[in-house]
Structure formats: C-alpha cells, structure tokens
Amino acid sequence: MARHVPLKFRDKLNEVQVVIDVARTDEGRHYDFGPEVLPGVRVVRAEADHRPIALSLWTLPADVAEICGDAAVPATEALLAIDRDQAHELLRLGVLIDLSQFTRSDSTPGVYYVLFDFVSPKQVHRVLHRIVPSLEPHGDRRLVA
C-alpha cells in the first residue's frame, strides 16, 4: 500500500511535472544537464530516435526519501526520475528505455527512479546511456552542462 504523500510535496511533484512536460517540447539535444528549476530539482534532457526525453534529477534528501518511501535512502546523493506516462509513450514510439534498471516508487505512484551515490553531469550522462540504450552516441557533439 502506498503511503500518504504530504500535500506540499505533492504540489512540488506537480510543478516538476509541468516543467518536464514543457522541457519535452523544446528542441532536442543529445544531453542537457539543466540548472535547478525548483529547489533541489534539475531537468535532464536528451533525445533518442529523434524523440525528446526529459527526466528530473532530485538532490534534496527529504525529496529523495519521499520518492523512495524510505528515510534511510537519503544517504544517496541524488535520484533521477521519469514518469510512467512518458516512459510508456517512448516505449510505444520505439525508444528503448530499460525500465528494469529503474525502481518503481511505491510511495509516489507513476514514478520510476535510479539512485546515485555520486552525482555529476558526467555521471548522469553515463547512466543515461545505460538506461536509455537507444540514446544516440554524441560523436562530435559537446556535452552541455
């Protein structure tokens, strides 16, 4: 059974979802580790098979604990999340996303996440290639960080 998510955190989740939805309409790029859009939340954008992808990177320990449903988890540095609707839409469009590498949040329905012990733009980029195997190689393109 999912535990109760406090209203204040639910509001933050909703605000992040709006930002993610807007980020998916922007021009695609191989990888963009964006600035904070809300306290402790960045948008990570990518493109695979010419389809935009936008994930949220959460770094505040209280937020990570809320999404994981476990107060012991904040020992990790960050959490990269994708919403179920976007993940399933991308899969339907033929973009390979390895959901087996994500954990489904029990406390925050509709969210899949990957935890980071250490987070940097380069580390997130590396993990993004692992969880989205269809992410195109960047070749000569420069990382935007």
N, C-alpha and C. Protein backbone atom coordinates (compact mmCIF):
# COMPACT_ATOMS: atom_id res chain seq x y z
N MET A 1 0.84 -1.17 0.00
CA MET A 1 0.00 0.00 0.00
C MET A 1 0.89 1.24 0.00
N ALA A 2 0.56 2.17 -0.86
CA ALA A 2 1.34 3.41 -0.93
C ALA A 2 1.06 4.25 0.31
N ARG A 3 2.13 4.89 0.81
CA ARG A 3 1.91 5.72 1.98
C ARG A 3 1.45 7.10 1.54
N HIS A 4 0.89 7.84 2.47
CA HIS A 4 0.36 9.17 2.19
C HIS A 4 1.49 10.12 1.83
N VAL A 5 1.36 10.83 0.71
CA VAL A 5 2.35 11.81 0.29
C VAL A 5 1.86 13.18 0.74
N PRO A 6 2.64 13.90 1.56
CA PRO A 6 2.21 15.21 2.05
C PRO A 6 1.84 16.15 0.90
N LEU A 7 0.84 16.99 1.15
CA LEU A 7 0.33 17.89 0.13
C LEU A 7 1.42 18.80 -0.43
N LYS A 8 2.29 19.33 0.43
CA LYS A 8 3.35 20.23 -0.02
C LYS A 8 4.27 19.52 -1.02
N PHE A 9 4.63 18.28 -0.73
CA PHE A 9 5.48 17.53 -1.65
C PHE A 9 4.71 17.20 -2.92
N ARG A 10 3.43 16.87 -2.80
CA ARG A 10 2.60 16.57 -3.97
C ARG A 10 2.55 17.80 -4.89
N ASP A 11 2.46 19.00 -4.31
CA ASP A 11 2.47 20.23 -5.10
C ASP A 11 3.80 20.37 -5.85
N LYS A 12 4.90 20.04 -5.18
CA LYS A 12 6.21 20.13 -5.82
C LYS A 12 6.29 19.13 -6.97
N LEU A 13 5.80 17.92 -6.77
CA LEU A 13 5.78 16.92 -7.84
C LEU A 13 5.00 17.44 -9.04
N ASN A 14 3.85 18.04 -8.78
CA ASN A 14 3.03 18.57 -9.87
C ASN A 14 3.75 19.69 -10.62
N GLU A 15 4.44 20.56 -9.89
CA GLU A 15 5.20 21.64 -10.53
C GLU A 15 6.33 21.08 -11.38
N VAL A 16 7.02 20.06 -10.87
CA VAL A 16 8.10 19.43 -11.63
C VAL A 16 7.52 18.79 -12.89
N GLN A 17 6.35 18.16 -12.80
CA GLN A 17 5.75 17.53 -13.97
C GLN A 17 5.44 18.55 -15.06
N VAL A 18 4.99 19.72 -14.67
CA VAL A 18 4.72 20.78 -15.66
C VAL A 18 6.03 21.19 -16.35
N VAL A 19 7.09 21.35 -15.57
CA VAL A 19 8.39 21.72 -16.14
C VAL A 19 8.88 20.62 -17.09
N ILE A 20 8.71 19.37 -16.69
CA ILE A 20 9.14 18.24 -17.54
C ILE A 20 8.34 18.23 -18.84
N ASP A 21 7.04 18.44 -18.76
CA ASP A 21 6.21 18.46 -19.96
C ASP A 21 6.65 19.55 -20.92
N VAL A 22 6.99 20.72 -20.40
CA VAL A 22 7.47 21.82 -21.24
C VAL A 22 8.83 21.48 -21.83
N ALA A 23 9.71 20.89 -21.02
CA ALA A 23 11.07 20.53 -21.49
C ALA A 23 11.01 19.54 -22.65
N ARG A 24 10.00 18.70 -22.67
CA ARG A 24 9.88 17.72 -23.75
C ARG A 24 9.44 18.36 -25.06
N THR A 25 8.97 19.60 -25.03
CA THR A 25 8.56 20.27 -26.26
C THR A 25 9.70 21.10 -26.84
N ASP A 26 10.77 21.30 -26.07
CA ASP A 26 11.91 22.07 -26.56
C ASP A 26 12.67 21.28 -27.62
N GLU A 27 13.46 22.01 -28.38
CA GLU A 27 14.29 21.38 -29.40
C GLU A 27 15.19 20.33 -28.75
N GLY A 28 15.27 19.19 -29.38
CA GLY A 28 16.04 18.08 -28.81
C GLY A 28 17.53 18.33 -28.83
N ARG A 29 18.21 17.69 -27.92
CA ARG A 29 19.66 17.69 -27.89
C ARG A 29 20.11 16.37 -27.30
N HIS A 30 21.35 16.04 -27.57
CA HIS A 30 21.86 14.76 -27.08
C HIS A 30 21.80 14.68 -25.56
N TYR A 31 22.23 15.75 -24.89
CA TYR A 31 22.28 15.72 -23.43
C TYR A 31 22.34 17.14 -22.89
N ASP A 32 21.47 17.43 -21.93
CA ASP A 32 21.47 18.75 -21.31
C ASP A 32 21.21 18.56 -19.82
N PHE A 33 22.20 18.91 -19.02
CA PHE A 33 22.11 18.86 -17.57
C PHE A 33 21.76 20.27 -17.13
N GLY A 34 20.47 20.54 -17.02
CA GLY A 34 19.99 21.90 -16.80
C GLY A 34 20.20 22.41 -15.39
N PRO A 35 19.94 23.71 -15.23
CA PRO A 35 20.04 24.33 -13.90
C PRO A 35 18.84 23.92 -13.04
N GLU A 36 18.88 24.26 -11.75
CA GLU A 36 17.74 23.97 -10.88
C GLU A 36 16.50 24.72 -11.37
N VAL A 37 15.39 23.98 -11.42
CA VAL A 37 14.12 24.59 -11.81
C VAL A 37 13.24 24.83 -10.58
N LEU A 38 13.49 24.07 -9.54
CA LEU A 38 12.90 24.21 -8.21
C LEU A 38 14.00 23.83 -7.24
N PRO A 39 13.90 24.20 -5.98
CA PRO A 39 14.97 23.83 -5.04
C PRO A 39 15.24 22.32 -5.06
N GLY A 40 16.49 21.97 -5.39
CA GLY A 40 16.90 20.57 -5.39
C GLY A 40 16.43 19.74 -6.57
N VAL A 41 15.94 20.38 -7.64
CA VAL A 41 15.45 19.63 -8.81
C VAL A 41 16.01 20.25 -10.08
N ARG A 42 16.64 19.42 -10.90
CA ARG A 42 17.13 19.83 -12.22
C ARG A 42 16.39 19.01 -13.28
N VAL A 43 16.35 19.54 -14.48
CA VAL A 43 15.81 18.78 -15.60
C VAL A 43 16.98 18.29 -16.43
N VAL A 44 16.96 17.00 -16.73
CA VAL A 44 17.97 16.38 -17.58
C VAL A 44 17.25 16.03 -18.88
N ARG A 45 17.72 16.62 -19.98
CA ARG A 45 17.09 16.37 -21.27
C ARG A 45 18.01 15.58 -22.18
N ALA A 46 17.38 14.79 -23.03
CA ALA A 46 18.12 14.02 -24.01
C ALA A 46 17.21 13.78 -25.21
N GLU A 47 17.74 13.09 -26.19
CA GLU A 47 16.95 12.74 -27.36
C GLU A 47 17.38 11.35 -27.81
N ALA A 48 16.41 10.51 -28.10
CA ALA A 48 16.68 9.17 -28.61
C ALA A 48 15.71 8.90 -29.74
N ASP A 49 16.22 8.41 -30.85
CA ASP A 49 15.39 8.15 -32.03
C ASP A 49 14.56 9.38 -32.40
N HIS A 50 15.18 10.55 -32.29
CA HIS A 50 14.56 11.84 -32.61
C HIS A 50 13.35 12.14 -31.74
N ARG A 51 13.30 11.55 -30.56
CA ARG A 51 12.22 11.81 -29.59
C ARG A 51 12.83 12.45 -28.36
N PRO A 52 12.27 13.58 -27.91
CA PRO A 52 12.80 14.24 -26.71
C PRO A 52 12.46 13.45 -25.44
N ILE A 53 13.40 13.46 -24.53
CA ILE A 53 13.23 12.81 -23.22
C ILE A 53 13.58 13.85 -22.17
N ALA A 54 12.79 13.91 -21.12
CA ALA A 54 13.08 14.83 -20.01
C ALA A 54 12.90 14.07 -18.70
N LEU A 55 13.93 14.07 -17.88
CA LEU A 55 13.89 13.42 -16.59
C LEU A 55 14.17 14.46 -15.51
N SER A 56 13.77 14.17 -14.30
CA SER A 56 14.04 15.08 -13.20
C SER A 56 15.11 14.48 -12.30
N LEU A 57 16.05 15.33 -11.90
CA LEU A 57 17.13 14.92 -11.01
C LEU A 57 16.89 15.59 -9.66
N TRP A 58 16.62 14.80 -8.64
CA TRP A 58 16.27 15.28 -7.30
C TRP A 58 17.48 15.12 -6.39
N THR A 59 17.85 16.20 -5.66
CA THR A 59 19.03 16.12 -4.81
C THR A 59 18.77 16.42 -3.33
N LEU A 60 17.61 16.96 -2.98
CA LEU A 60 17.33 17.21 -1.56
C LEU A 60 17.00 15.90 -0.86
N PRO A 61 17.69 15.59 0.23
CA PRO A 61 17.46 14.31 0.92
C PRO A 61 15.99 14.05 1.28
N ALA A 62 15.26 15.07 1.69
CA ALA A 62 13.85 14.87 2.05
C ALA A 62 13.02 14.47 0.83
N ASP A 63 13.32 15.06 -0.34
CA ASP A 63 12.60 14.70 -1.57
C ASP A 63 12.94 13.27 -2.00
N VAL A 64 14.22 12.93 -1.93
CA VAL A 64 14.64 11.57 -2.29
C VAL A 64 13.93 10.57 -1.38
N ALA A 65 13.87 10.86 -0.09
CA ALA A 65 13.20 9.96 0.85
C ALA A 65 11.71 9.84 0.53
N GLU A 66 11.06 10.94 0.16
CA GLU A 66 9.63 10.90 -0.20
C GLU A 66 9.39 10.00 -1.40
N ILE A 67 10.20 10.16 -2.43
CA ILE A 67 10.01 9.38 -3.66
C ILE A 67 10.31 7.91 -3.42
N CYS A 68 11.38 7.65 -2.66
CA CYS A 68 11.75 6.26 -2.37
C CYS A 68 10.84 5.62 -1.34
N GLY A 69 10.23 6.45 -0.51
CA GLY A 69 9.39 5.91 0.57
C GLY A 69 10.22 5.31 1.68
N ASP A 70 11.46 5.79 1.82
CA ASP A 70 12.37 5.22 2.81
C ASP A 70 13.30 6.31 3.33
N ALA A 71 13.19 6.62 4.58
CA ALA A 71 14.03 7.68 5.17
C ALA A 71 15.51 7.30 5.20
N ALA A 72 15.84 6.02 5.05
CA ALA A 72 17.24 5.59 5.07
C ALA A 72 17.94 5.89 3.75
N VAL A 73 17.20 6.12 2.68
CA VAL A 73 17.79 6.30 1.36
C VAL A 73 18.57 7.60 1.20
N PRO A 74 18.24 8.68 1.91
CA PRO A 74 18.97 9.93 1.67
C PRO A 74 20.49 9.84 1.82
N ALA A 75 21.02 8.70 2.23
CA ALA A 75 22.47 8.54 2.22
C ALA A 75 22.98 8.62 0.79
N THR A 76 22.11 8.42 -0.20
CA THR A 76 22.49 8.58 -1.59
C THR A 76 22.46 10.06 -1.92
N GLU A 77 23.16 10.44 -2.98
CA GLU A 77 23.28 11.86 -3.31
C GLU A 77 22.15 12.39 -4.18
N ALA A 78 21.56 11.54 -5.01
CA ALA A 78 20.53 12.04 -5.91
C ALA A 78 19.67 10.91 -6.44
N LEU A 79 18.60 11.32 -7.10
CA LEU A 79 17.64 10.38 -7.68
C LEU A 79 17.24 10.94 -9.04
N LEU A 80 17.32 10.12 -10.09
CA LEU A 80 16.91 10.50 -11.44
C LEU A 80 15.58 9.82 -11.71
N ALA A 81 14.55 10.61 -12.05
CA ALA A 81 13.20 10.05 -12.18
C ALA A 81 12.61 10.31 -13.55
N ILE A 82 11.76 9.38 -13.97
CA ILE A 82 10.96 9.54 -15.18
C ILE A 82 9.55 9.13 -14.82
N ASP A 83 8.57 9.84 -15.37
CA ASP A 83 7.20 9.47 -15.06
C ASP A 83 6.75 8.32 -15.96
N ARG A 84 5.85 7.51 -15.44
CA ARG A 84 5.37 6.31 -16.12
C ARG A 84 4.80 6.64 -17.50
N ASP A 85 4.00 7.71 -17.59
CA ASP A 85 3.36 8.04 -18.87
C ASP A 85 4.39 8.33 -19.95
N GLN A 86 5.42 9.12 -19.62
CA GLN A 86 6.45 9.42 -20.60
C GLN A 86 7.22 8.15 -20.99
N ALA A 87 7.58 7.34 -20.00
CA ALA A 87 8.32 6.12 -20.28
C ALA A 87 7.53 5.20 -21.20
N HIS A 88 6.25 5.00 -20.91
CA HIS A 88 5.43 4.10 -21.74
C HIS A 88 5.18 4.69 -23.13
N GLU A 89 5.01 6.01 -23.21
CA GLU A 89 4.84 6.65 -24.51
C GLU A 89 6.09 6.45 -25.37
N LEU A 90 7.26 6.67 -24.77
CA LEU A 90 8.51 6.49 -25.52
C LEU A 90 8.67 5.04 -25.97
N LEU A 91 8.33 4.10 -25.09
CA LEU A 91 8.42 2.68 -25.47
C LEU A 91 7.48 2.37 -26.64
N ARG A 92 6.26 2.92 -26.60
CA ARG A 92 5.30 2.71 -27.70
C ARG A 92 5.84 3.29 -29.01
N LEU A 93 6.61 4.38 -28.92
CA LEU A 93 7.17 5.01 -30.11
C LEU A 93 8.46 4.34 -30.58
N GLY A 94 8.87 3.29 -29.89
CA GLY A 94 10.06 2.54 -30.29
C GLY A 94 11.35 2.99 -29.66
N VAL A 95 11.30 3.89 -28.69
CA VAL A 95 12.51 4.32 -27.99
C VAL A 95 12.77 3.32 -26.88
N LEU A 96 13.91 2.68 -26.93
CA LEU A 96 14.24 1.66 -25.94
C LEU A 96 14.67 2.31 -24.63
N ILE A 97 13.87 2.09 -23.59
CA ILE A 97 14.20 2.54 -22.24
C ILE A 97 14.21 1.28 -21.39
N ASP A 98 15.30 1.04 -20.69
CA ASP A 98 15.44 -0.17 -19.89
C ASP A 98 14.82 0.06 -18.51
N LEU A 99 13.51 -0.16 -18.41
CA LEU A 99 12.81 0.06 -17.14
C LEU A 99 13.27 -0.91 -16.06
N SER A 100 13.93 -2.01 -16.44
CA SER A 100 14.42 -2.95 -15.43
C SER A 100 15.53 -2.33 -14.59
N GLN A 101 16.14 -1.26 -15.08
CA GLN A 101 17.20 -0.59 -14.32
C GLN A 101 16.64 0.49 -13.39
N PHE A 102 15.35 0.73 -13.48
CA PHE A 102 14.68 1.69 -12.62
C PHE A 102 13.98 0.96 -11.48
N THR A 103 13.71 1.67 -10.42
CA THR A 103 12.87 1.18 -9.33
C THR A 103 11.55 1.93 -9.42
N ARG A 104 10.47 1.21 -9.29
CA ARG A 104 9.14 1.84 -9.31
C ARG A 104 8.85 2.34 -7.91
N SER A 105 8.50 3.60 -7.80
CA SER A 105 8.20 4.18 -6.50
C SER A 105 6.85 3.68 -6.00
N ASP A 106 6.84 3.14 -4.80
CA ASP A 106 5.59 2.72 -4.18
C ASP A 106 4.90 3.90 -3.50
N SER A 107 5.69 4.84 -3.02
CA SER A 107 5.12 5.98 -2.30
C SER A 107 4.67 7.10 -3.23
N THR A 108 5.22 7.12 -4.43
CA THR A 108 4.88 8.15 -5.41
C THR A 108 4.46 7.44 -6.70
N PRO A 109 3.22 7.01 -6.78
CA PRO A 109 2.76 6.25 -7.95
C PRO A 109 3.03 6.99 -9.27
N GLY A 110 3.45 6.22 -10.26
CA GLY A 110 3.70 6.79 -11.57
C GLY A 110 5.11 7.30 -11.78
N VAL A 111 6.00 7.03 -10.81
CA VAL A 111 7.39 7.50 -10.92
C VAL A 111 8.34 6.30 -10.87
N TYR A 112 9.27 6.28 -11.82
CA TYR A 112 10.37 5.31 -11.83
C TYR A 112 11.64 6.09 -11.53
N TYR A 113 12.58 5.48 -10.79
CA TYR A 113 13.79 6.24 -10.44
C TYR A 113 15.03 5.35 -10.41
N VAL A 114 16.18 6.03 -10.51
CA VAL A 114 17.51 5.44 -10.38
C VAL A 114 18.24 6.27 -9.34
N LEU A 115 18.91 5.61 -8.39
CA LEU A 115 19.64 6.32 -7.33
C LEU A 115 21.10 6.51 -7.70
N PHE A 116 21.68 7.59 -7.20
CA PHE A 116 23.09 7.91 -7.42
C PHE A 116 23.79 8.06 -6.08
N ASP A 117 24.91 7.37 -5.92
CA ASP A 117 25.76 7.58 -4.75
C ASP A 117 26.61 8.83 -4.94
N PHE A 118 26.91 9.12 -6.18
CA PHE A 118 27.70 10.29 -6.55
C PHE A 118 27.04 10.89 -7.78
N VAL A 119 26.86 12.20 -7.82
CA VAL A 119 26.20 12.81 -8.97
C VAL A 119 27.05 13.94 -9.54
N SER A 120 27.19 13.92 -10.85
CA SER A 120 27.86 14.97 -11.60
C SER A 120 27.25 14.92 -13.00
N PRO A 121 27.40 15.97 -13.79
CA PRO A 121 26.86 15.92 -15.15
C PRO A 121 27.39 14.72 -15.94
N LYS A 122 28.67 14.42 -15.77
CA LYS A 122 29.28 13.30 -16.50
C LYS A 122 28.70 11.96 -16.03
N GLN A 123 28.51 11.81 -14.72
CA GLN A 123 27.96 10.56 -14.18
C GLN A 123 26.52 10.37 -14.63
N VAL A 124 25.72 11.42 -14.61
CA VAL A 124 24.33 11.32 -15.06
C VAL A 124 24.30 10.94 -16.54
N HIS A 125 25.19 11.54 -17.33
CA HIS A 125 25.26 11.22 -18.76
C HIS A 125 25.59 9.75 -18.97
N ARG A 126 26.54 9.24 -18.21
CA ARG A 126 26.93 7.83 -18.31
C ARG A 126 25.73 6.92 -17.99
N VAL A 127 25.03 7.22 -16.91
CA VAL A 127 23.87 6.41 -16.51
C VAL A 127 22.75 6.53 -17.54
N LEU A 128 22.56 7.72 -18.08
CA LEU A 128 21.53 7.92 -19.09
C LEU A 128 21.76 7.00 -20.29
N HIS A 129 23.00 6.85 -20.71
CA HIS A 129 23.30 5.92 -21.81
C HIS A 129 22.98 4.48 -21.43
N ARG A 130 23.14 4.15 -20.16
CA ARG A 130 22.84 2.78 -19.72
C ARG A 130 21.33 2.53 -19.66
N ILE A 131 20.56 3.49 -19.18
CA ILE A 131 19.12 3.26 -19.01
C ILE A 131 18.31 3.54 -20.27
N VAL A 132 18.90 4.30 -21.19
CA VAL A 132 18.26 4.56 -22.48
C VAL A 132 19.23 4.10 -23.56
N PRO A 133 19.27 2.77 -23.80
CA PRO A 133 20.23 2.24 -24.78
C PRO A 133 20.07 2.84 -26.18
N SER A 134 18.89 3.33 -26.50
CA SER A 134 18.69 3.90 -27.84
C SER A 134 19.13 5.36 -27.92
N LEU A 135 19.69 5.90 -26.83
CA LEU A 135 20.23 7.25 -26.86
C LEU A 135 21.37 7.27 -27.86
N GLU A 136 21.29 8.22 -28.80
CA GLU A 136 22.29 8.25 -29.86
C GLU A 136 23.65 8.64 -29.32
N PRO A 137 24.72 8.02 -29.84
CA PRO A 137 26.06 8.42 -29.42
C PRO A 137 26.28 9.89 -29.76
N HIS A 138 27.04 10.58 -28.93
CA HIS A 138 27.19 12.01 -29.14
C HIS A 138 28.22 12.38 -30.17
N GLY A 139 29.10 11.48 -30.55
CA GLY A 139 30.08 11.77 -31.58
C GLY A 139 30.83 13.03 -31.28
N ASP A 140 30.75 14.00 -32.20
CA ASP A 140 31.48 15.26 -32.04
C ASP A 140 30.71 16.30 -31.25
N ARG A 141 29.46 16.01 -30.94
CA ARG A 141 28.67 16.98 -30.17
C ARG A 141 29.27 17.14 -28.78
N ARG A 142 29.22 18.34 -28.28
CA ARG A 142 29.76 18.62 -26.95
C ARG A 142 28.67 18.43 -25.91
N LEU A 143 29.07 18.00 -24.74
CA LEU A 143 28.13 17.90 -23.63
C LEU A 143 27.76 19.30 -23.17
N VAL A 144 26.50 19.49 -22.93
CA VAL A 144 26.03 20.77 -22.38
C VAL A 144 25.84 20.55 -20.90
N ALA A 145 26.57 21.28 -20.08
CA ALA A 145 26.46 21.08 -18.63
C ALA A 145 26.30 22.39 -17.91
